[in-house]
N, C-alpha and C. Protein backbone atom coordinates (compact mmCIF):
# COMPACT_ATOMS: atom_id res chain seq x y z
N MET A 1 10.61 7.90 42.09
CA MET A 1 9.22 8.19 42.40
C MET A 1 8.41 8.07 41.11
N ALA A 2 7.28 7.46 41.18
CA ALA A 2 6.43 7.24 40.00
C ALA A 2 5.77 8.54 39.56
N ALA A 3 5.39 8.60 38.31
CA ALA A 3 4.74 9.78 37.76
C ALA A 3 3.46 10.09 38.53
N GLY A 4 3.25 11.35 38.81
CA GLY A 4 2.04 11.77 39.49
C GLY A 4 2.14 11.75 41.01
N GLN A 5 3.24 11.28 41.55
CA GLN A 5 3.41 11.26 42.99
C GLN A 5 4.22 12.48 43.41
N HIS A 6 3.87 13.05 44.53
CA HIS A 6 4.56 14.23 45.04
C HIS A 6 5.17 13.90 46.39
N SER A 7 6.37 14.40 46.62
CA SER A 7 7.00 14.17 47.90
C SER A 7 6.61 15.25 48.91
N ASN A 8 6.09 16.37 48.43
CA ASN A 8 5.68 17.44 49.32
C ASN A 8 4.24 17.24 49.76
N THR A 9 3.98 17.55 51.02
CA THR A 9 2.61 17.53 51.51
C THR A 9 2.30 18.91 52.05
N TYR A 10 1.07 19.35 51.86
CA TYR A 10 0.65 20.67 52.28
C TYR A 10 -0.01 20.58 53.65
N VAL A 11 0.19 21.62 54.45
CA VAL A 11 -0.37 21.65 55.80
C VAL A 11 -1.88 21.85 55.74
N ALA A 12 -2.33 22.78 54.89
CA ALA A 12 -3.75 23.07 54.77
C ALA A 12 -4.38 22.17 53.70
N LYS A 13 -5.56 21.70 53.97
CA LYS A 13 -6.27 20.86 53.00
C LYS A 13 -6.80 21.71 51.87
N GLY A 14 -6.86 21.14 50.69
CA GLY A 14 -7.41 21.83 49.54
C GLY A 14 -6.45 22.78 48.85
N VAL A 15 -5.20 22.76 49.23
CA VAL A 15 -4.21 23.67 48.66
C VAL A 15 -3.65 23.13 47.34
N ASN A 16 -3.76 21.85 47.12
CA ASN A 16 -3.17 21.23 45.93
C ASN A 16 -3.62 21.91 44.64
N ARG A 17 -4.89 22.13 44.49
CA ARG A 17 -5.42 22.72 43.26
C ARG A 17 -4.91 24.15 43.09
N ALA A 18 -4.90 24.92 44.17
CA ALA A 18 -4.43 26.31 44.10
C ALA A 18 -2.95 26.37 43.73
N MET A 19 -2.13 25.49 44.28
CA MET A 19 -0.70 25.49 43.97
C MET A 19 -0.46 25.04 42.54
N GLU A 20 -1.25 24.11 42.06
CA GLU A 20 -1.12 23.66 40.68
C GLU A 20 -1.46 24.80 39.72
N GLN A 21 -2.53 25.53 40.00
CA GLN A 21 -2.92 26.68 39.19
C GLN A 21 -1.84 27.76 39.25
N PHE A 22 -1.29 27.99 40.43
CA PHE A 22 -0.24 28.98 40.63
C PHE A 22 0.99 28.63 39.78
N LYS A 23 1.32 27.35 39.70
CA LYS A 23 2.46 26.89 38.90
C LYS A 23 2.25 27.25 37.43
N TYR A 24 1.06 27.03 36.91
CA TYR A 24 0.78 27.35 35.52
C TYR A 24 0.79 28.86 35.28
N GLU A 25 0.29 29.64 36.24
CA GLU A 25 0.30 31.10 36.10
C GLU A 25 1.72 31.63 36.05
N VAL A 26 2.58 31.12 36.92
CA VAL A 26 3.98 31.57 36.94
C VAL A 26 4.68 31.17 35.65
N ALA A 27 4.43 29.98 35.16
CA ALA A 27 5.03 29.54 33.91
C ALA A 27 4.61 30.47 32.77
N GLN A 28 3.36 30.86 32.75
CA GLN A 28 2.87 31.76 31.71
C GLN A 28 3.54 33.13 31.83
N GLU A 29 3.68 33.65 33.06
CA GLU A 29 4.36 34.92 33.27
C GLU A 29 5.79 34.89 32.75
N LEU A 30 6.45 33.75 32.91
CA LEU A 30 7.84 33.60 32.48
C LEU A 30 7.96 33.27 30.99
N GLY A 31 6.85 33.00 30.35
CA GLY A 31 6.87 32.66 28.94
C GLY A 31 7.34 31.24 28.67
N ILE A 32 7.16 30.37 29.66
CA ILE A 32 7.56 28.97 29.53
C ILE A 32 6.36 28.15 29.10
N GLN A 33 6.52 27.40 28.03
CA GLN A 33 5.45 26.55 27.50
C GLN A 33 5.21 25.39 28.46
N THR A 34 3.98 25.25 28.93
CA THR A 34 3.65 24.16 29.85
C THR A 34 3.27 22.91 29.07
N PRO A 35 3.49 21.74 29.65
CA PRO A 35 3.16 20.51 28.93
C PRO A 35 1.65 20.33 28.79
N ALA A 36 1.23 20.03 27.58
CA ALA A 36 -0.20 19.87 27.30
C ALA A 36 -0.78 18.66 28.03
N ASP A 37 0.03 17.63 28.22
CA ASP A 37 -0.46 16.41 28.87
C ASP A 37 -0.34 16.45 30.39
N GLY A 38 0.22 17.54 30.93
CA GLY A 38 0.35 17.68 32.38
C GLY A 38 1.57 16.99 32.97
N TYR A 39 2.36 16.32 32.15
CA TYR A 39 3.56 15.64 32.64
C TYR A 39 4.76 16.56 32.50
N TRP A 40 5.31 16.97 33.62
CA TRP A 40 6.40 17.95 33.65
C TRP A 40 7.77 17.29 33.54
N GLY A 41 7.85 15.98 33.52
CA GLY A 41 9.12 15.26 33.54
C GLY A 41 9.97 15.42 32.29
N THR A 42 9.38 15.85 31.19
CA THR A 42 10.15 16.02 29.96
C THR A 42 10.65 17.46 29.78
N MET A 43 10.32 18.32 30.72
CA MET A 43 10.75 19.72 30.61
C MET A 43 12.19 19.87 31.07
N LEU A 44 12.82 20.94 30.62
CA LEU A 44 14.19 21.23 31.03
C LEU A 44 14.23 21.58 32.52
N THR A 45 15.27 21.12 33.17
CA THR A 45 15.45 21.41 34.59
C THR A 45 15.53 22.92 34.82
N ARG A 46 16.14 23.62 33.90
CA ARG A 46 16.26 25.07 34.03
C ARG A 46 14.88 25.73 34.07
N ASP A 47 13.97 25.27 33.23
CA ASP A 47 12.62 25.84 33.19
C ASP A 47 11.83 25.52 34.45
N THR A 48 11.85 24.27 34.87
CA THR A 48 11.09 23.90 36.07
C THR A 48 11.68 24.57 37.31
N GLY A 49 13.01 24.73 37.33
CA GLY A 49 13.65 25.43 38.44
C GLY A 49 13.27 26.90 38.47
N ALA A 50 13.17 27.50 37.30
CA ALA A 50 12.77 28.91 37.23
C ALA A 50 11.34 29.08 37.74
N ILE A 51 10.48 28.16 37.36
CA ILE A 51 9.08 28.23 37.81
C ILE A 51 9.02 28.09 39.33
N GLY A 52 9.69 27.08 39.86
CA GLY A 52 9.69 26.87 41.31
C GLY A 52 10.31 28.03 42.07
N GLY A 53 11.38 28.58 41.52
CA GLY A 53 12.04 29.72 42.17
C GLY A 53 11.16 30.95 42.22
N HIS A 54 10.47 31.22 41.12
CA HIS A 54 9.57 32.37 41.09
C HIS A 54 8.36 32.16 42.00
N MET A 55 7.87 30.93 42.06
CA MET A 55 6.77 30.63 42.97
C MET A 55 7.19 30.91 44.41
N THR A 56 8.38 30.45 44.76
CA THR A 56 8.89 30.65 46.12
C THR A 56 9.06 32.13 46.43
N ARG A 57 9.64 32.89 45.50
CA ARG A 57 9.83 34.33 45.72
C ARG A 57 8.49 35.04 45.94
N LYS A 58 7.49 34.67 45.15
CA LYS A 58 6.18 35.30 45.29
C LYS A 58 5.53 34.94 46.63
N LEU A 59 5.65 33.68 47.03
CA LEU A 59 5.07 33.26 48.30
C LEU A 59 5.76 33.92 49.49
N VAL A 60 7.08 34.05 49.43
CA VAL A 60 7.83 34.72 50.50
C VAL A 60 7.44 36.19 50.56
N ALA A 61 7.33 36.85 49.41
CA ALA A 61 6.94 38.26 49.38
C ALA A 61 5.54 38.45 49.98
N LEU A 62 4.63 37.55 49.66
CA LEU A 62 3.29 37.62 50.22
C LEU A 62 3.31 37.46 51.74
N ALA A 63 4.08 36.52 52.21
CA ALA A 63 4.19 36.29 53.66
C ALA A 63 4.81 37.51 54.36
N GLU A 64 5.83 38.10 53.73
CA GLU A 64 6.45 39.28 54.32
C GLU A 64 5.46 40.44 54.41
N GLN A 65 4.65 40.62 53.36
CA GLN A 65 3.65 41.68 53.38
C GLN A 65 2.62 41.43 54.47
N GLN A 66 2.21 40.20 54.63
CA GLN A 66 1.22 39.88 55.67
C GLN A 66 1.80 40.10 57.06
N LEU A 67 3.06 39.73 57.25
CA LEU A 67 3.69 39.92 58.55
C LEU A 67 3.89 41.40 58.86
N ALA A 68 4.11 42.21 57.84
CA ALA A 68 4.29 43.64 58.01
C ALA A 68 2.96 44.37 58.16
N GLY A 69 1.85 43.64 57.95
CA GLY A 69 0.52 44.23 58.08
C GLY A 69 0.10 45.05 56.89
N LYS A 70 0.78 44.87 55.76
CA LYS A 70 0.44 45.61 54.54
C LYS A 70 -0.56 44.81 53.72
N PRO A 71 -1.49 45.48 53.08
CA PRO A 71 -2.41 44.76 52.19
C PRO A 71 -1.67 44.25 50.97
N PHE A 72 -2.09 43.10 50.47
CA PHE A 72 -1.42 42.54 49.29
C PHE A 72 -2.27 42.68 48.14
């Protein structure tokens, strides 16, 4: 796959920017240096996996709270 192409598509329109921002926020929380040029291909797999894993955990926790009727 060429640089800048994503295999994932979002159901809701306009989510791309929010997910991109979320990725950078999670990386900062984990203390992982993000690429200045925006190209993530040179980063360690361990780091990108940690970012994606934490993003997923946070999204699942949010969904669980919403399903339980608790404020987030």
